[in-house]
């Protein structure tokens, strides 16, 4: 199926849902949270159009993550430090 794409249109309660084969690719997202993912766009950076396996694209993604981290440490420092503090306790989890 490599290189083959298709769209499935499903109508549910007058809402059209479009599913693309590519939507089944795992989400490449960095969430600034103890959760795996968050809905708040300020607390997530998603790689949606590039190739994770391409070094240049991956570095652009990492740069985006670093820039958002820097912004959040300036605007939401207490929140960020709380999440980092929580994550630091995971090393002791069994």
Protein backbone atom coordinates (compact mmCIF):
# COMPACT_ATOMS: atom_id res chain seq x y z
CA UNK A 1 0.00 0.00 0.00
CA UNK A 2 3.01 2.30 -0.05
CA UNK A 3 2.24 5.53 -1.85
CA UNK A 4 -1.50 4.84 -2.08
CA UNK A 5 -3.82 7.32 -0.40
CA UNK A 6 -7.57 7.48 -0.16
CA UNK A 7 -10.22 9.43 1.70
CA UNK A 8 -13.25 8.00 3.47
CA UNK A 9 -16.21 10.33 3.98
CA UNK A 10 -18.56 9.38 6.80
CA UNK A 11 -21.70 11.36 7.65
CA UNK A 12 -22.65 11.34 11.31
CA UNK A 13 -25.39 13.66 12.57
CA UNK A 14 -24.92 15.98 9.60
CA UNK A 15 -21.17 16.15 10.30
CA UNK A 16 -18.75 14.98 7.63
CA UNK A 17 -15.69 13.24 9.01
CA UNK A 18 -12.75 12.85 6.65
CA UNK A 19 -10.28 10.09 7.39
CA UNK A 20 -7.06 9.89 5.43
CA UNK A 21 -4.72 6.91 5.47
CA UNK A 22 -1.97 9.24 6.66
CA UNK A 23 -4.04 10.04 9.77
CA UNK A 24 -3.14 6.58 11.04
CA UNK A 25 0.54 7.56 11.25
CA UNK A 26 1.39 8.04 14.95
CA UNK A 27 1.10 11.67 16.01
CA UNK A 28 4.50 13.29 16.30
CA UNK A 29 3.92 15.75 19.09
CA UNK A 30 5.82 17.24 21.99
CA UNK A 31 3.45 18.00 24.87
CA UNK A 32 4.64 20.30 27.63
CA UNK A 33 2.68 18.30 30.17
CA UNK A 34 2.79 15.12 32.18
CA UNK A 35 0.05 13.86 29.84
CA UNK A 36 1.03 12.22 26.55
CA UNK A 37 -0.86 14.88 24.64
CA UNK A 38 -2.87 18.01 25.40
CA UNK A 39 -5.46 20.04 23.52
CA UNK A 40 -4.07 23.46 24.50
CA UNK A 41 -2.11 24.57 21.41
CA UNK A 42 0.27 26.59 23.58
CA UNK A 43 1.35 23.40 25.36
CA UNK A 44 2.05 21.28 22.28
CA UNK A 45 4.18 21.31 19.18
CA UNK A 46 3.14 18.93 16.42
CA UNK A 47 5.14 17.82 13.41
CA UNK A 48 2.47 17.49 10.76
CA UNK A 49 4.01 18.05 7.34
CA UNK A 50 7.58 16.89 7.55
CA UNK A 51 9.44 13.59 7.65
CA UNK A 52 10.60 12.56 11.13
CA UNK A 53 13.27 10.35 9.57
CA UNK A 54 14.78 13.24 7.58
CA UNK A 55 17.53 14.82 9.69
CA UNK A 56 16.85 18.37 8.49
CA UNK A 57 13.09 18.08 9.09
CA UNK A 58 13.67 16.49 12.50
CA UNK A 59 16.00 19.33 13.51
CA UNK A 60 13.36 21.91 12.49
CA UNK A 61 10.89 20.05 14.71
CA UNK A 62 13.34 20.04 17.62
CA UNK A 63 14.01 23.76 17.06
CA UNK A 64 10.25 24.43 17.22
CA UNK A 65 10.04 22.48 20.48
CA UNK A 66 12.99 24.38 21.97
CA UNK A 67 11.51 27.75 20.97
CA UNK A 68 8.14 26.89 22.53
CA UNK A 69 9.87 25.62 25.69
CA UNK A 70 11.80 28.90 25.95
CA UNK A 71 8.57 30.91 25.47
CA UNK A 72 6.72 28.87 28.10
CA UNK A 73 9.55 29.20 30.62
CA UNK A 74 9.11 32.96 30.27
CA UNK A 75 5.30 33.10 30.33
CA UNK A 76 4.28 30.04 32.39
CA UNK A 77 7.33 29.34 34.50
CA UNK A 78 5.46 28.02 37.56
CA UNK A 79 3.45 25.60 35.40
CA UNK A 80 6.52 24.36 33.54
CA UNK A 81 8.55 23.88 36.72
CA UNK A 82 5.64 21.96 38.27
CA UNK A 83 5.47 19.60 35.27
CA UNK A 84 9.25 19.12 35.32
CA UNK A 85 9.13 18.45 39.07
CA UNK A 86 6.43 15.81 38.55
CA UNK A 87 8.35 14.14 35.71
CA UNK A 88 11.49 14.05 37.87
CA UNK A 89 9.66 11.79 40.34
CA UNK A 90 8.98 9.17 37.68
CA UNK A 91 12.52 7.81 38.00
CA UNK A 92 11.42 6.29 41.32
CA UNK A 93 8.27 4.68 39.92
CA UNK A 94 8.21 0.92 39.76
